[in-house]
Amino acid sequence: MSRYLLDTNVISAAIRIPGGKVDQALRRHQNEEIGTSLIVHGEILFGLKRKPSIRGRERLDALLETIEVWPLESPTDEVYGDIRASLEKQGQSMGPNDMWIAAQAIALDATLVTDDRAFSRLSQLKIENWVRV
């Protein structure tokens, strides 16, 4: 069984566009293990608190009934250290939350589902885009 970790922009698309491409992909992968990071959950909650939306919160809650929010556990910390050191050696940078999300996807052996091209710099990361399928 495949495992998928949904990034912030994918969950946002599911919230904004019910029945859209992300919802269709979720239905296609309904027999797979699908979740998101605690970091992503925090980013989504921040967005909903910054710009409150009752409908957005209801849609998030409905989505979270169908997917898990995975906690940060080892070896995510080790993978994070590897990613950060590697990017630094290459003179590249990435947002700290994105590094944690990528590290968690790698540690869980999950495919990161994202619409963010910044993740493509990490060759060890499996990526799919359900926003632009």
C-alpha atoms as a PDB file:
ATOM      1  CA  MET A   1       0.000   0.000   0.000  1.00  0.00           C
ATOM      2  CA  SER A   2       1.241   3.465  -0.874  1.00  0.00           C
ATOM      3  CA  ARG A   3       1.453   6.272   1.647  1.00  0.00           C
ATOM      4  CA  TYR A   4       0.815   9.931   0.768  1.00  0.00           C
ATOM      5  CA  LEU A   5       1.577  13.047   2.818  1.00  0.00           C
ATOM      6  CA  LEU A   6      -0.499  16.048   1.747  1.00  0.00           C
ATOM      7  CA  ASP A   7       1.253  19.430   1.746  1.00  0.00           C
ATOM      8  CA  THR A   8      -0.354  22.713   2.751  1.00  0.00           C
ATOM      9  CA  ASN A   9      -1.208  23.862  -0.775  1.00  0.00           C
ATOM     10  CA  VAL A  10      -2.944  20.559  -1.528  1.00  0.00           C
ATOM     11  CA  ILE A  11      -5.119  20.728   1.581  1.00  0.00           C
ATOM     12  CA  SER A  12      -5.853  24.385   0.835  1.00  0.00           C
ATOM     13  CA  ALA A  13      -6.970  23.421  -2.682  1.00  0.00           C
ATOM     14  CA  ALA A  14      -9.246  20.722  -1.257  1.00  0.00           C
ATOM     15  CA  ILE A  15     -10.782  23.266   1.120  1.00  0.00           C
ATOM     16  CA  ARG A  16     -11.190  25.985  -1.528  1.00  0.00           C
ATOM     17  CA  ILE A  17     -12.480  23.758  -4.348  1.00  0.00           C
ATOM     18  CA  PRO A  18     -14.785  21.004  -3.080  1.00  0.00           C
ATOM     19  CA  GLY A  19     -15.162  18.313  -5.734  1.00  0.00           C
ATOM     20  CA  GLY A  20     -12.074  19.617  -7.541  1.00  0.00           C
ATOM     21  CA  LYS A  21      -8.926  17.826  -8.666  1.00  0.00           C
ATOM     22  CA  VAL A  22      -7.671  17.142  -5.135  1.00  0.00           C
ATOM     23  CA  ASP A  23     -11.001  15.644  -4.065  1.00  0.00           C
ATOM     24  CA  GLN A  24     -11.024  13.485  -7.201  1.00  0.00           C
ATOM     25  CA  ALA A  25      -7.476  12.274  -6.451  1.00  0.00           C
ATOM     26  CA  LEU A  26      -8.434  11.532  -2.846  1.00  0.00           C
ATOM     27  CA  ARG A  27     -11.248   9.328  -4.128  1.00  0.00           C
ATOM     28  CA  ARG A  28      -8.885   7.553  -6.561  1.00  0.00           C
ATOM     29  CA  HIS A  29      -6.466   6.845  -3.696  1.00  0.00           C
ATOM     30  CA  GLN A  30      -9.082   6.048  -1.047  1.00  0.00           C
ATOM     31  CA  ASN A  31      -7.608   2.597  -0.424  1.00  0.00           C
ATOM     32  CA  GLU A  32      -4.154   4.047   0.228  1.00  0.00           C
ATOM     33  CA  GLU A  33      -2.769   5.526   3.439  1.00  0.00           C
ATOM     34  CA  ILE A  34      -3.229   9.300   3.271  1.00  0.00           C
ATOM     35  CA  GLY A  35      -2.242  11.812   5.905  1.00  0.00           C
ATOM     36  CA  THR A  36      -0.592  15.101   6.553  1.00  0.00           C
ATOM     37  CA  SER A  37       2.078  16.484   8.809  1.00  0.00           C
ATOM     38  CA  LEU A  38       1.487  18.148  12.136  1.00  0.00           C
ATOM     39  CA  ILE A  39       3.455  21.042  10.565  1.00  0.00           C
ATOM     40  CA  VAL A  40       0.995  21.275   7.653  1.00  0.00           C
ATOM     41  CA  HIS A  41      -1.938  21.138  10.049  1.00  0.00           C
ATOM     42  CA  GLY A  42      -0.435  24.059  11.961  1.00  0.00           C
ATOM     43  CA  GLU A  43       0.069  26.058   8.749  1.00  0.00           C
ATOM     44  CA  ILE A  44      -3.567  25.493   7.729  1.00  0.00           C
ATOM     45  CA  LEU A  45      -4.831  26.475  11.194  1.00  0.00           C
ATOM     46  CA  PHE A  46      -2.687  29.626  11.077  1.00  0.00           C
ATOM     47  CA  GLY A  47      -4.255  30.563   7.742  1.00  0.00           C
ATOM     48  CA  LEU A  48      -7.756  30.001   9.093  1.00  0.00           C
ATOM     49  CA  LYS A  49      -7.034  32.082  12.207  1.00  0.00           C
ATOM     50  CA  ARG A  50      -5.437  34.874  10.188  1.00  0.00           C
ATOM     51  CA  LYS A  51      -8.425  34.986   7.850  1.00  0.00           C
ATOM     52  CA  PRO A  52     -11.302  33.291   9.692  1.00  0.00           C
ATOM     53  CA  SER A  53     -13.669  31.222   7.598  1.00  0.00           C
ATOM     54  CA  ILE A  54     -16.376  29.083   9.140  1.00  0.00           C
ATOM     55  CA  ARG A  55     -16.834  27.220   5.852  1.00  0.00           C
ATOM     56  CA  GLY A  56     -13.065  26.700   5.531  1.00  0.00           C
ATOM     57  CA  ARG A  57     -12.861  25.308   9.058  1.00  0.00           C
ATOM     58  CA  GLU A  58     -15.811  23.008   8.435  1.00  0.00           C
ATOM     59  CA  ARG A  59     -14.195  21.715   5.240  1.00  0.00           C
ATOM     60  CA  LEU A  60     -10.877  21.186   7.041  1.00  0.00           C
ATOM     61  CA  ASP A  61     -12.605  19.264   9.830  1.00  0.00           C
ATOM     62  CA  ALA A  62     -14.426  17.114   7.248  1.00  0.00           C
ATOM     63  CA  LEU A  63     -11.151  16.363   5.450  1.00  0.00           C
ATOM     64  CA  LEU A  64      -9.443  15.469   8.730  1.00  0.00           C
ATOM     65  CA  GLU A  65     -12.139  12.849   9.313  1.00  0.00           C
ATOM     66  CA  THR A  66     -10.775  11.017   6.256  1.00  0.00           C
ATOM     67  CA  ILE A  67      -7.008  11.484   6.688  1.00  0.00           C
ATOM     68  CA  GLU A  68      -4.584  11.326   9.598  1.00  0.00           C
ATOM     69  CA  VAL A  69      -2.421  14.070  11.051  1.00  0.00           C
ATOM     70  CA  TRP A  70       0.911  12.338  11.632  1.00  0.00           C
ATOM     71  CA  PRO A  71       3.004  13.472  14.609  1.00  0.00           C
ATOM     72  CA  LEU A  72       6.695  14.228  14.246  1.00  0.00           C
ATOM     73  CA  GLU A  73       8.651  11.180  15.348  1.00  0.00           C
ATOM     74  CA  SER A  74      12.154   9.837  14.855  1.00  0.00           C
ATOM     75  CA  PRO A  75      13.821   9.434  12.407  1.00  0.00           C
ATOM     76  CA  THR A  76      12.270  12.659  11.058  1.00  0.00           C
ATOM     77  CA  ASP A  77      14.746  14.685  13.136  1.00  0.00           C
ATOM     78  CA  GLU A  78      17.715  12.832  11.638  1.00  0.00           C
ATOM     79  CA  VAL A  79      16.399  13.267   8.095  1.00  0.00           C
ATOM     80  CA  TYR A  80      15.780  16.979   8.750  1.00  0.00           C
ATOM     81  CA  GLY A  81      19.410  17.384   9.816  1.00  0.00           C
ATOM     82  CA  ASP A  82      20.582  15.621   6.652  1.00  0.00           C
ATOM     83  CA  ILE A  83      18.392  17.775   4.391  1.00  0.00           C
ATOM     84  CA  ARG A  84      19.413  21.036   6.028  1.00  0.00           C
ATOM     85  CA  ALA A  85      23.124  20.195   5.968  1.00  0.00           C
ATOM     86  CA  SER A  86      22.945  19.050   2.345  1.00  0.00           C
ATOM     87  CA  LEU A  87      21.104  22.176   1.184  1.00  0.00           C
ATOM     88  CA  GLU A  88      23.532  24.400   3.079  1.00  0.00           C
ATOM     89  CA  LYS A  89      26.534  22.682   1.450  1.00  0.00           C
ATOM     90  CA  GLN A  90      24.963  23.306  -1.954  1.00  0.00           C
ATOM     91  CA  GLY A  91      24.355  26.968  -1.110  1.00  0.00           C
ATOM     92  CA  GLN A  92      20.602  26.446  -1.340  1.00  0.00           C
ATOM     93  CA  SER A  93      17.862  27.254   1.098  1.00  0.00           C
ATOM     94  CA  MET A  94      14.355  26.121   1.839  1.00  0.00           C
ATOM     95  CA  GLY A  95      11.798  27.316   4.331  1.00  0.00           C
ATOM     96  CA  PRO A  96      12.140  25.635   7.723  1.00  0.00           C
ATOM     97  CA  ASN A  97       8.597  24.245   7.670  1.00  0.00           C
ATOM     98  CA  ASP A  98       9.169  22.826   4.183  1.00  0.00           C
ATOM     99  CA  MET A  99      12.325  21.077   5.390  1.00  0.00           C
ATOM    100  CA  TRP A 100      10.385  19.468   8.251  1.00  0.00           C
ATOM    101  CA  ILE A 101       7.557  18.414   5.911  1.00  0.00           C
ATOM    102  CA  ALA A 102      10.025  16.895   3.446  1.00  0.00           C
ATOM    103  CA  ALA A 103      11.907  15.156   6.260  1.00  0.00           C
ATOM    104  CA  GLN A 104       8.699  13.642   7.581  1.00  0.00           C
ATOM    105  CA  ALA A 105       7.653  12.404   4.134  1.00  0.00           C
ATOM    106  CA  ILE A 106      11.064  10.769   3.653  1.00  0.00           C
ATOM    107  CA  ALA A 107      11.078   9.275   7.156  1.00  0.00           C
ATOM    108  CA  LEU A 108       7.595   7.821   6.593  1.00  0.00           C
ATOM    109  CA  ASP A 109       8.535   6.591   3.105  1.00  0.00           C
ATOM    110  CA  ALA A 110       5.568   8.611   1.866  1.00  0.00           C
ATOM    111  CA  THR A 111       5.037  10.405  -1.412  1.00  0.00           C
ATOM    112  CA  LEU A 112       4.744  14.141  -0.782  1.00  0.00           C
ATOM    113  CA  VAL A 113       1.690  15.502  -2.584  1.00  0.00           C
ATOM    114  CA  THR A 114       2.442  19.151  -3.290  1.00  0.00           C
ATOM    115  CA  ASP A 115       2.160  21.950  -5.809  1.00  0.00           C
ATOM    116  CA  ASP A 116       5.396  23.533  -4.533  1.00  0.00           C
ATOM    117  CA  ARG A 117       8.346  23.164  -6.913  1.00  0.00           C
ATOM    118  CA  ALA A 118      10.854  23.928  -4.154  1.00  0.00           C
ATOM    119  CA  PHE A 119      10.648  20.304  -3.061  1.00  0.00           C
ATOM    120  CA  SER A 120      11.972  19.078  -6.413  1.00  0.00           C
ATOM    121  CA  ARG A 121      15.513  19.942  -5.235  1.00  0.00           C
ATOM    122  CA  LEU A 122      15.417  16.953  -2.914  1.00  0.00           C
ATOM    123  CA  SER A 123      16.209  13.923  -5.061  1.00  0.00           C
ATOM    124  CA  GLN A 124      15.363  11.448  -2.282  1.00  0.00           C
ATOM    125  CA  LEU A 125      11.795  12.791  -2.030  1.00  0.00           C
ATOM    126  CA  LYS A 126       8.958  11.129  -3.954  1.00  0.00           C
ATOM    127  CA  ILE A 127       6.558  13.819  -5.224  1.00  0.00           C
ATOM    128  CA  GLU A 128       3.129  13.925  -6.874  1.00  0.00           C
ATOM    129  CA  ASN A 129       0.982  16.916  -7.714  1.00  0.00           C
ATOM    130  CA  TRP A 130      -2.770  16.424  -7.323  1.00  0.00           C
ATOM    131  CA  VAL A 131      -3.540  20.115  -7.816  1.00  0.00           C
ATOM    132  CA  ARG A 132      -2.488  20.145 -11.483  1.00  0.00           C
ATOM    133  CA  VAL A 133      -3.300  16.571 -12.596  1.00  0.00           C
END
